[in-house]
Amino acid sequence: MTNEQVANNMVVGLAYTLKVDGEVVEQVGKDEPMEYLHGADDIIPGLEKQLAGKKVGDTFSVTIPPEDGYGLYDPEDVEELPRHIIDGADNLEKGAMLEIEDEDGDFYLAFVRDIQGDTITIDYNPPLAGKELAYDVEVVSIREATAEEIDHGHVHAHGLDDYDDEDDEDYDDDDDD
């Protein structure tokens, strides 16, 4: 077992169960832990704060309020759109995720909240916005991040010997240095 603690610029592997309103909405096992770069805002702030200082093998339960999770639900982030302007609208179902492009060419993730006749209600809020998040967590691994991971602000997949920085373009978060 390692003596390393969760701190900034460390890659942390987690196994966890996430419950909302008592129902399991996500479960990640120890055999395929979720890895993130601590201090890079890769996970919700309330969980990242709770993980600081933890060691491999530590387990804990925590309830994260919306403000420290996916934020408060904003009714202003819901809009009704005419069906004809959405590509593939005839195949959409309630709950489907969409990538919406605005007039400036920026893309946003949204989900279909409702479909009524020729109107589709789109919600830009994260699906867990406004929800209390109950986590049961185990720290599975901790390692120092590589210089590239720190520079890019996220964990790189293992086993990519032929990795090229150009492969990382999809993860550019507009924090040009």
Protein backbone atom coordinates (compact mmCIF):
# COMPACT_ATOMS: atom_id res chain seq x y z
CA MET A 1 0.00 0.00 0.00
CA THR A 2 1.29 3.47 -0.84
CA ASN A 3 1.75 6.30 1.64
CA GLU A 4 0.86 8.93 -0.95
CA GLN A 5 -2.05 11.20 -0.17
CA VAL A 6 -4.56 12.78 -2.49
CA ALA A 7 -3.21 16.23 -3.37
CA ASN A 8 -3.02 18.55 -6.36
CA ASN A 9 -1.38 17.08 -9.46
CA MET A 10 -2.00 13.50 -8.33
CA VAL A 11 -3.97 11.03 -10.44
CA VAL A 12 -6.54 9.40 -8.18
CA GLY A 13 -8.48 6.22 -8.93
CA LEU A 14 -11.89 5.86 -7.29
CA ALA A 15 -14.48 3.16 -6.87
CA TYR A 16 -17.83 4.62 -5.88
CA THR A 17 -21.57 4.35 -5.75
CA LEU A 18 -23.62 7.49 -6.41
CA LYS A 19 -27.19 7.66 -5.16
CA VAL A 20 -29.78 10.35 -5.80
CA ASP A 21 -32.97 10.25 -3.74
CA GLY A 22 -31.92 6.82 -2.46
CA GLU A 23 -31.58 5.28 -5.93
CA VAL A 24 -28.25 4.18 -7.41
CA VAL A 25 -27.55 6.27 -10.52
CA GLU A 26 -23.91 5.31 -11.07
CA GLN A 27 -21.57 2.63 -9.82
CA VAL A 28 -17.85 2.31 -10.57
CA GLY A 29 -16.02 -0.79 -9.36
CA LYS A 30 -12.47 -1.29 -8.12
CA ASP A 31 -11.66 -3.37 -11.21
CA GLU A 32 -12.12 -0.31 -13.48
CA PRO A 33 -11.81 2.75 -11.25
CA MET A 34 -12.63 6.25 -12.41
CA GLU A 35 -9.40 8.26 -12.58
CA TYR A 36 -9.17 12.02 -12.33
CA LEU A 37 -6.47 14.67 -11.91
CA HIS A 38 -6.83 16.18 -8.44
CA GLY A 39 -6.88 19.99 -8.45
CA ALA A 40 -7.82 20.30 -12.14
CA ASP A 41 -11.59 20.66 -11.58
CA ASP A 42 -12.15 17.31 -13.32
CA ILE A 43 -14.78 16.22 -10.78
CA ILE A 44 -17.44 18.07 -8.81
CA PRO A 45 -15.91 20.44 -6.23
CA GLY A 46 -17.64 18.95 -3.19
CA LEU A 47 -16.24 15.48 -3.86
CA GLU A 48 -12.77 16.77 -4.73
CA LYS A 49 -12.67 18.70 -1.44
CA GLN A 50 -13.61 15.54 0.52
CA LEU A 51 -10.85 13.53 -1.18
CA ALA A 52 -7.98 15.87 -0.23
CA GLY A 53 -5.56 14.10 2.11
CA LYS A 54 -7.08 10.63 1.66
CA LYS A 55 -4.88 7.55 1.08
CA VAL A 56 -5.28 4.34 -0.91
CA GLY A 57 -7.76 2.11 0.89
CA ASP A 58 -9.61 4.97 2.58
CA THR A 59 -13.39 4.72 2.34
CA PHE A 60 -16.00 7.32 3.19
CA SER A 61 -19.57 8.38 2.59
CA VAL A 62 -20.54 11.96 1.86
CA THR A 63 -23.63 13.86 0.76
CA ILE A 64 -22.84 16.74 -1.59
CA PRO A 65 -25.32 19.64 -1.81
CA PRO A 66 -26.24 20.95 -5.29
CA GLU A 67 -24.05 24.03 -4.85
CA ASP A 68 -20.96 21.80 -4.55
CA GLY A 69 -22.17 19.26 -7.11
CA TYR A 70 -23.66 20.07 -10.50
CA GLY A 71 -25.10 23.40 -9.40
CA LEU A 72 -28.59 24.63 -8.75
CA TYR A 73 -31.29 23.91 -11.30
CA ASP A 74 -31.88 26.99 -13.49
CA PRO A 75 -35.32 27.13 -15.15
CA GLU A 76 -33.90 29.76 -17.54
CA ASP A 77 -31.78 26.99 -19.09
CA VAL A 78 -34.87 25.27 -20.51
CA GLU A 79 -36.28 26.23 -23.90
CA GLU A 80 -38.92 25.04 -26.30
CA LEU A 81 -37.81 24.55 -29.88
CA PRO A 82 -39.82 23.79 -33.00
CA ARG A 83 -39.33 20.16 -34.00
CA HIS A 84 -38.32 21.05 -37.58
CA ILE A 85 -35.07 22.79 -36.55
CA ILE A 86 -33.63 19.71 -34.80
CA ASP A 87 -31.91 17.13 -37.01
CA GLY A 88 -33.30 13.66 -36.41
CA ALA A 89 -36.20 14.99 -34.33
CA ASP A 90 -38.48 12.15 -35.45
CA ASN A 91 -36.16 9.63 -33.76
CA LEU A 92 -35.78 11.53 -30.48
CA GLU A 93 -37.09 10.24 -27.20
CA LYS A 94 -37.53 11.95 -23.86
CA GLY A 95 -34.21 11.88 -21.99
CA ALA A 96 -32.03 11.75 -25.12
CA MET A 97 -28.81 13.78 -25.07
CA LEU A 98 -28.25 16.31 -27.85
CA GLU A 99 -25.41 18.51 -28.97
CA ILE A 100 -26.90 21.91 -29.82
CA GLU A 101 -25.05 24.56 -31.84
CA ASP A 102 -25.86 28.20 -31.19
CA GLU A 103 -25.71 31.10 -33.65
CA ASP A 104 -22.04 31.72 -32.73
CA GLY A 105 -21.05 28.15 -33.60
CA ASP A 106 -20.59 27.11 -29.96
CA PHE A 107 -21.83 23.65 -28.96
CA TYR A 108 -23.77 22.77 -25.81
CA LEU A 109 -24.96 19.49 -24.39
CA ALA A 110 -28.65 19.34 -23.60
CA PHE A 111 -31.24 16.68 -23.02
CA VAL A 112 -34.77 16.29 -24.28
CA ARG A 113 -37.08 17.08 -21.39
CA ASP A 114 -40.35 16.68 -23.27
CA ILE A 115 -41.85 16.20 -26.73
CA GLN A 116 -45.33 17.56 -27.42
CA GLY A 117 -46.48 17.65 -31.04
CA ASP A 118 -44.27 20.03 -32.99
CA THR A 119 -42.45 21.31 -29.88
CA ILE A 120 -39.40 19.78 -28.23
CA THR A 121 -38.41 21.03 -24.78
CA ILE A 122 -34.62 21.12 -24.38
CA ASP A 123 -32.88 21.38 -20.99
CA TYR A 124 -29.30 22.68 -20.80
CA ASN A 125 -29.00 22.01 -17.06
CA PRO A 126 -26.80 19.04 -16.15
CA PRO A 127 -29.11 16.07 -15.46
CA LEU A 128 -28.08 16.08 -11.77
CA ALA A 129 -28.37 19.86 -11.28
CA GLY A 130 -30.32 20.73 -8.14
CA LYS A 131 -29.83 17.25 -6.66
CA GLU A 132 -28.16 16.13 -3.44
CA LEU A 133 -25.55 13.53 -4.34
CA ALA A 134 -24.84 10.69 -1.89
CA TYR A 135 -21.47 9.04 -2.54
CA ASP A 136 -19.89 5.93 -1.05
CA VAL A 137 -16.24 6.16 -2.11
CA GLU A 138 -13.07 4.08 -1.91
CA VAL A 139 -9.68 5.45 -2.96
CA VAL A 140 -8.23 2.68 -5.13
CA SER A 141 -5.02 4.25 -6.46
CA ILE A 142 -2.88 7.37 -6.27
CA ARG A 143 0.06 8.28 -8.50
CA GLU A 144 1.90 11.39 -9.56
CA ALA A 145 0.54 12.92 -12.74
CA THR A 146 2.81 13.19 -15.75
CA ALA A 147 3.90 16.62 -16.96
CA GLU A 148 1.60 16.19 -19.97
CA GLU A 149 -1.39 15.34 -17.78
CA ILE A 150 -0.77 18.42 -15.65
CA ASP A 151 -0.33 20.58 -18.75
CA HIS A 152 -3.53 19.25 -20.34
CA GLY A 153 -5.52 19.25 -17.11
CA HIS A 154 -6.76 15.65 -17.29
CA VAL A 155 -5.65 12.03 -17.02
CA HIS A 156 -4.29 10.30 -20.11
CA ALA A 157 -5.24 6.70 -20.77
CA HIS A 158 -2.59 4.10 -19.96
CA GLY A 159 -1.10 1.97 -22.69
CA LEU A 160 -1.06 4.65 -25.37
CA ASP A 161 2.58 4.37 -26.40
CA ASP A 162 1.79 6.08 -29.69
CA TYR A 163 -0.03 8.96 -28.01
CA ASP A 164 0.28 12.24 -29.86
CA ASP A 165 -0.57 15.63 -28.35
CA GLU A 166 -2.81 16.27 -31.37
CA ASP A 167 -5.01 13.44 -30.06
CA ASP A 168 -5.71 15.69 -27.08
CA GLU A 169 -7.44 18.47 -29.06
CA ASP A 170 -10.90 17.27 -28.03
CA TYR A 171 -9.98 17.99 -24.42
CA ASP A 172 -8.77 21.56 -24.94
CA ASP A 173 -10.67 23.62 -22.39
CA ASP A 174 -9.83 26.99 -23.93
CA ASP A 175 -7.25 27.72 -21.22
CA ASP A 176 -4.61 28.69 -23.75
CA ASP A 177 -1.37 29.49 -21.96
